[in-house]
N, C-alpha and C. Protein backbone atom coordinates (compact mmCIF):
# COMPACT_ATOMS: atom_id res chain seq x y z
N LEU A 1 0.82 -1.20 0.00
CA LEU A 1 0.00 0.00 0.00
C LEU A 1 0.86 1.26 0.00
N ALA A 2 2.04 1.17 0.59
CA ALA A 2 2.93 2.32 0.59
C ALA A 2 3.40 2.67 -0.82
N LEU A 3 3.59 1.65 -1.65
CA LEU A 3 3.99 1.88 -3.02
C LEU A 3 2.92 2.66 -3.79
N PHE A 4 1.66 2.34 -3.53
CA PHE A 4 0.58 3.05 -4.20
C PHE A 4 0.42 4.46 -3.65
N ALA A 5 0.72 4.66 -2.40
CA ALA A 5 0.70 6.02 -1.85
C ALA A 5 1.77 6.88 -2.51
N ILE A 6 2.93 6.31 -2.76
CA ILE A 6 4.00 7.03 -3.45
C ILE A 6 3.58 7.30 -4.90
N LEU A 7 2.91 6.32 -5.53
CA LEU A 7 2.42 6.51 -6.89
C LEU A 7 1.44 7.67 -6.98
N VAL A 8 0.58 7.81 -5.99
CA VAL A 8 -0.37 8.92 -5.96
C VAL A 8 0.37 10.25 -5.85
N LEU A 9 1.39 10.30 -5.01
CA LEU A 9 2.18 11.54 -4.88
C LEU A 9 2.90 11.88 -6.17
N ILE A 10 3.50 10.89 -6.82
CA ILE A 10 4.21 11.12 -8.08
C ILE A 10 3.24 11.59 -9.16
N ALA A 11 2.08 10.96 -9.22
CA ALA A 11 1.09 11.34 -10.23
C ALA A 11 0.59 12.76 -10.00
N SER A 12 0.38 13.14 -8.75
CA SER A 12 -0.11 14.49 -8.48
C SER A 12 0.93 15.55 -8.81
N VAL A 13 2.19 15.27 -8.51
CA VAL A 13 3.24 16.23 -8.85
C VAL A 13 3.43 16.31 -10.35
N SER A 14 3.34 15.16 -11.03
CA SER A 14 3.55 15.17 -12.48
C SER A 14 2.44 15.90 -13.22
N CYS A 15 1.25 15.96 -12.64
CA CYS A 15 0.17 16.72 -13.27
C CYS A 15 0.52 18.20 -13.36
N PHE A 16 1.21 18.72 -12.38
CA PHE A 16 1.59 20.13 -12.40
C PHE A 16 2.82 20.38 -13.27
N CYS A 17 3.64 19.37 -13.45
CA CYS A 17 4.89 19.54 -14.19
C CYS A 17 4.76 19.29 -15.68
N VAL A 18 3.76 18.53 -16.08
CA VAL A 18 3.65 18.11 -17.47
C VAL A 18 2.61 18.94 -18.20
N ASN A 19 3.03 19.48 -19.31
CA ASN A 19 2.12 20.19 -20.21
C ASN A 19 2.21 19.49 -21.56
N HIS A 20 1.07 19.10 -22.12
CA HIS A 20 1.14 18.30 -23.34
C HIS A 20 1.73 19.06 -24.51
N ASN A 21 1.70 20.37 -24.50
CA ASN A 21 2.34 21.14 -25.56
C ASN A 21 3.85 21.17 -25.41
N ALA A 22 4.34 21.10 -24.19
CA ALA A 22 5.77 21.17 -23.95
C ALA A 22 6.47 19.85 -24.28
N LEU A 23 5.78 18.72 -24.10
CA LEU A 23 6.42 17.43 -24.32
C LEU A 23 6.39 16.97 -25.76
N LYS A 24 5.42 17.44 -26.55
CA LYS A 24 5.27 17.04 -27.95
C LYS A 24 5.15 15.53 -28.09
N LEU A 25 4.32 14.93 -27.28
CA LEU A 25 4.10 13.49 -27.36
C LEU A 25 2.85 13.20 -28.17
N THR A 26 2.88 12.09 -28.89
CA THR A 26 1.69 11.67 -29.61
C THR A 26 0.70 11.09 -28.60
N PRO A 27 -0.56 10.97 -28.97
CA PRO A 27 -1.54 10.41 -28.02
C PRO A 27 -1.16 9.02 -27.53
N HIS A 28 -0.60 8.19 -28.40
CA HIS A 28 -0.23 6.84 -27.98
C HIS A 28 0.99 6.84 -27.06
N GLN A 29 1.84 7.83 -27.16
CA GLN A 29 2.97 7.94 -26.25
C GLN A 29 2.54 8.44 -24.87
N ARG A 30 1.37 9.08 -24.82
CA ARG A 30 0.86 9.57 -23.53
C ARG A 30 0.06 8.52 -22.77
N ILE A 31 -0.22 7.37 -23.38
CA ILE A 31 -1.02 6.34 -22.72
C ILE A 31 -0.42 5.89 -21.39
N PRO A 32 0.91 5.64 -21.28
CA PRO A 32 1.45 5.26 -19.96
C PRO A 32 1.24 6.34 -18.89
N PHE A 33 1.36 7.61 -19.29
CA PHE A 33 1.13 8.70 -18.33
C PHE A 33 -0.32 8.71 -17.87
N PHE A 34 -1.25 8.55 -18.82
CA PHE A 34 -2.66 8.50 -18.46
C PHE A 34 -2.98 7.27 -17.62
N ALA A 35 -2.31 6.16 -17.89
CA ALA A 35 -2.53 4.94 -17.11
C ALA A 35 -2.08 5.14 -15.66
N ILE A 36 -0.93 5.78 -15.48
CA ILE A 36 -0.46 6.05 -14.11
C ILE A 36 -1.42 6.98 -13.38
N LEU A 37 -1.90 8.01 -14.08
CA LEU A 37 -2.87 8.91 -13.46
C LEU A 37 -4.18 8.18 -13.14
N GLY A 38 -4.61 7.32 -14.06
CA GLY A 38 -5.84 6.56 -13.82
C GLY A 38 -5.71 5.62 -12.64
N ILE A 39 -4.57 4.95 -12.51
CA ILE A 39 -4.35 4.07 -11.37
C ILE A 39 -4.35 4.86 -10.08
N ALA A 40 -3.68 6.01 -10.07
CA ALA A 40 -3.60 6.82 -8.86
C ALA A 40 -4.97 7.32 -8.43
N VAL A 41 -5.75 7.81 -9.39
CA VAL A 41 -7.09 8.32 -9.05
C VAL A 41 -8.00 7.18 -8.60
N SER A 42 -7.96 6.08 -9.32
CA SER A 42 -8.81 4.94 -8.97
C SER A 42 -8.45 4.39 -7.60
N PHE A 43 -7.16 4.30 -7.32
CA PHE A 43 -6.70 3.83 -6.01
C PHE A 43 -7.17 4.76 -4.91
N SER A 44 -7.01 6.06 -5.11
CA SER A 44 -7.39 7.03 -4.09
C SER A 44 -8.88 7.00 -3.80
N VAL A 45 -9.68 6.99 -4.85
CA VAL A 45 -11.14 6.99 -4.67
C VAL A 45 -11.60 5.68 -4.02
N THR A 46 -11.07 4.57 -4.50
CA THR A 46 -11.48 3.26 -3.97
C THR A 46 -11.17 3.13 -2.49
N PHE A 47 -9.94 3.46 -2.10
CA PHE A 47 -9.58 3.29 -0.70
C PHE A 47 -10.21 4.33 0.21
N ALA A 48 -10.49 5.52 -0.32
CA ALA A 48 -11.24 6.49 0.49
C ALA A 48 -12.65 6.00 0.75
N LEU A 49 -13.28 5.46 -0.28
CA LEU A 49 -14.62 4.91 -0.13
C LEU A 49 -14.64 3.72 0.83
N ILE A 50 -13.63 2.87 0.73
CA ILE A 50 -13.55 1.71 1.63
C ILE A 50 -13.36 2.18 3.08
N ASP A 51 -12.54 3.20 3.29
CA ASP A 51 -12.35 3.72 4.65
C ASP A 51 -13.65 4.26 5.23
N VAL A 52 -14.40 4.98 4.40
CA VAL A 52 -15.67 5.52 4.88
C VAL A 52 -16.64 4.39 5.20
N LEU A 53 -16.73 3.40 4.32
CA LEU A 53 -17.63 2.27 4.58
C LEU A 53 -17.20 1.46 5.79
N ASN A 54 -15.91 1.29 5.97
CA ASN A 54 -15.42 0.53 7.13
C ASN A 54 -15.64 1.27 8.45
N SER A 55 -15.80 2.58 8.39
CA SER A 55 -16.07 3.31 9.63
C SER A 55 -17.48 3.05 10.14
N PHE A 56 -18.41 2.71 9.23
CA PHE A 56 -19.78 2.41 9.63
C PHE A 56 -19.99 0.93 9.90
N MET A 57 -19.39 0.09 9.07
CA MET A 57 -19.49 -1.36 9.25
C MET A 57 -18.24 -1.99 8.66
N THR A 58 -17.85 -3.11 9.17
CA THR A 58 -16.60 -3.73 8.72
C THR A 58 -16.88 -4.57 7.47
N ASN A 59 -16.46 -4.07 6.34
CA ASN A 59 -16.63 -4.78 5.08
C ASN A 59 -15.36 -5.49 4.65
N ILE A 60 -14.24 -4.79 4.69
CA ILE A 60 -12.96 -5.34 4.24
C ILE A 60 -12.16 -5.71 5.48
N GLN A 61 -11.94 -7.01 5.66
CA GLN A 61 -11.26 -7.46 6.88
C GLN A 61 -10.00 -8.25 6.60
N THR A 62 -9.97 -9.08 5.57
CA THR A 62 -8.84 -9.98 5.34
C THR A 62 -7.87 -9.38 4.33
N PRO A 63 -6.62 -9.83 4.36
CA PRO A 63 -5.65 -9.37 3.36
C PRO A 63 -6.05 -9.73 1.93
N GLN A 64 -6.76 -10.83 1.76
CA GLN A 64 -7.21 -11.21 0.43
C GLN A 64 -8.22 -10.20 -0.12
N GLN A 65 -9.08 -9.70 0.75
CA GLN A 65 -10.05 -8.70 0.32
C GLN A 65 -9.36 -7.40 -0.05
N VAL A 66 -8.35 -7.01 0.72
CA VAL A 66 -7.59 -5.80 0.42
C VAL A 66 -6.87 -5.96 -0.92
N PHE A 67 -6.30 -7.14 -1.15
CA PHE A 67 -5.61 -7.39 -2.41
C PHE A 67 -6.59 -7.34 -3.59
N LEU A 68 -7.77 -7.87 -3.41
CA LEU A 68 -8.78 -7.83 -4.48
C LEU A 68 -9.20 -6.40 -4.80
N VAL A 69 -9.39 -5.58 -3.78
CA VAL A 69 -9.74 -4.17 -4.00
C VAL A 69 -8.58 -3.45 -4.69
N LEU A 70 -7.36 -3.75 -4.27
CA LEU A 70 -6.18 -3.15 -4.88
C LEU A 70 -6.06 -3.55 -6.35
N LEU A 71 -6.24 -4.81 -6.64
CA LEU A 71 -6.16 -5.31 -8.00
C LEU A 71 -7.25 -4.71 -8.89
N SER A 72 -8.45 -4.59 -8.35
CA SER A 72 -9.53 -4.00 -9.15
C SER A 72 -9.30 -2.52 -9.41
N SER A 73 -8.73 -1.81 -8.45
CA SER A 73 -8.46 -0.39 -8.68
C SER A 73 -7.34 -0.20 -9.70
N VAL A 74 -6.36 -1.09 -9.70
CA VAL A 74 -5.29 -1.01 -10.71
C VAL A 74 -5.86 -1.31 -12.09
N PHE A 75 -6.70 -2.34 -12.19
CA PHE A 75 -7.29 -2.70 -13.48
C PHE A 75 -8.16 -1.57 -14.03
N THR A 76 -9.01 -1.00 -13.20
CA THR A 76 -9.88 0.08 -13.69
C THR A 76 -9.07 1.32 -14.03
N GLY A 77 -8.04 1.61 -13.26
CA GLY A 77 -7.18 2.75 -13.58
C GLY A 77 -6.45 2.58 -14.90
N LEU A 78 -5.93 1.38 -15.15
CA LEU A 78 -5.29 1.10 -16.43
C LEU A 78 -6.29 1.23 -17.58
N LEU A 79 -7.48 0.74 -17.35
CA LEU A 79 -8.52 0.82 -18.38
C LEU A 79 -8.89 2.27 -18.67
N PHE A 80 -9.05 3.08 -17.63
CA PHE A 80 -9.36 4.50 -17.83
C PHE A 80 -8.24 5.20 -18.60
N GLY A 81 -7.00 4.95 -18.21
CA GLY A 81 -5.86 5.56 -18.88
C GLY A 81 -5.75 5.14 -20.34
N LEU A 82 -6.00 3.87 -20.60
CA LEU A 82 -5.94 3.36 -21.97
C LEU A 82 -7.03 3.99 -22.83
N ILE A 83 -8.24 4.05 -22.31
CA ILE A 83 -9.34 4.64 -23.06
C ILE A 83 -9.10 6.12 -23.32
N PHE A 84 -8.68 6.85 -22.31
CA PHE A 84 -8.45 8.28 -22.48
C PHE A 84 -7.30 8.54 -23.45
N GLY A 85 -6.25 7.71 -23.39
CA GLY A 85 -5.13 7.89 -24.31
C GLY A 85 -5.48 7.56 -25.74
N ILE A 86 -6.28 6.51 -25.94
CA ILE A 86 -6.65 6.12 -27.29
C ILE A 86 -7.64 7.10 -27.91
N LEU A 87 -8.61 7.56 -27.12
CA LEU A 87 -9.61 8.47 -27.66
C LEU A 87 -9.04 9.83 -28.00
N ASP A 88 -7.99 10.25 -27.30
CA ASP A 88 -7.32 11.52 -27.55
C ASP A 88 -8.31 12.69 -27.55
N THR A 89 -9.09 12.78 -26.51
CA THR A 89 -10.12 13.83 -26.45
C THR A 89 -9.54 15.21 -26.19
N GLU A 90 -8.36 15.29 -25.63
CA GLU A 90 -7.84 16.61 -25.31
C GLU A 90 -7.37 17.38 -26.53
N ASP A 91 -7.04 16.70 -27.63
CA ASP A 91 -6.59 17.38 -28.84
C ASP A 91 -7.65 17.47 -29.91
N ASP A 92 -8.81 16.89 -29.67
CA ASP A 92 -9.87 16.87 -30.67
C ASP A 92 -10.84 18.02 -30.40
N PRO A 93 -10.88 19.03 -31.29
CA PRO A 93 -11.76 20.18 -31.02
C PRO A 93 -13.24 19.82 -31.03
N SER A 94 -13.65 18.84 -31.84
CA SER A 94 -15.07 18.48 -31.87
C SER A 94 -15.48 17.81 -30.56
N ALA A 95 -14.58 17.03 -29.97
CA ALA A 95 -14.89 16.41 -28.68
C ALA A 95 -14.98 17.48 -27.59
N ARG A 96 -14.14 18.47 -27.67
CA ARG A 96 -14.16 19.57 -26.68
C ARG A 96 -15.48 20.32 -26.77
N HIS A 97 -15.94 20.59 -27.99
CA HIS A 97 -17.22 21.30 -28.16
C HIS A 97 -18.39 20.44 -27.68
N ALA A 98 -18.30 19.13 -27.90
CA ALA A 98 -19.37 18.24 -27.44
C ALA A 98 -19.41 18.20 -25.92
N LEU A 99 -18.24 18.22 -25.29
CA LEU A 99 -18.20 18.23 -23.82
C LEU A 99 -18.76 19.54 -23.26
N ILE A 100 -18.41 20.65 -23.91
CA ILE A 100 -18.92 21.95 -23.46
C ILE A 100 -20.43 22.01 -23.65
N ARG A 101 -20.94 21.49 -24.78
CA ARG A 101 -22.39 21.46 -25.03
C ARG A 101 -23.09 20.61 -23.98
N ASP A 102 -22.54 19.45 -23.68
CA ASP A 102 -23.17 18.56 -22.70
C ASP A 102 -23.08 19.11 -21.28
N GLU A 103 -22.08 19.94 -21.04
CA GLU A 103 -21.91 20.52 -19.71
C GLU A 103 -23.08 21.45 -19.37
N ARG A 104 -23.67 22.08 -20.37
CA ARG A 104 -24.80 22.97 -20.14
C ARG A 104 -26.01 22.22 -19.59
N TYR A 105 -26.14 20.93 -19.95
CA TYR A 105 -27.29 20.14 -19.52
C TYR A 105 -27.09 19.49 -18.16
N SER A 106 -25.89 19.55 -17.65
CA SER A 106 -25.62 18.92 -16.35
C SER A 106 -25.55 19.99 -15.27
N GLY A 107 -25.78 19.57 -14.06
CA GLY A 107 -25.75 20.49 -12.94
C GLY A 107 -24.67 20.09 -11.97
N PRO A 108 -24.35 20.96 -11.06
CA PRO A 108 -23.33 20.61 -10.05
C PRO A 108 -23.85 19.52 -9.12
N VAL A 109 -22.94 18.72 -8.66
CA VAL A 109 -23.30 17.62 -7.76
C VAL A 109 -23.32 18.11 -6.34
């Protein structure tokens, strides 16, 4: 778990240091970066949710359950990073306009 905590710190610092215009990477070259960010976000959200749920009732008790939650958060993070890297939505102006259009129909949570 300490390794994933370090991964979250590295991912958060790299978000401030990396600008896609400065690196001149193709979308497929950015997939590993997006995968690391996806793993970090998925890990953080999953374990925060588990901590909140465990404060009310004990759901995750054994090391096998912790490993399963860890493995699922890594898998979903990799999947999110792969999808975001392949779709290349940040460089596609039509996707940006579609997101802005759809944003008008959504409200704050």
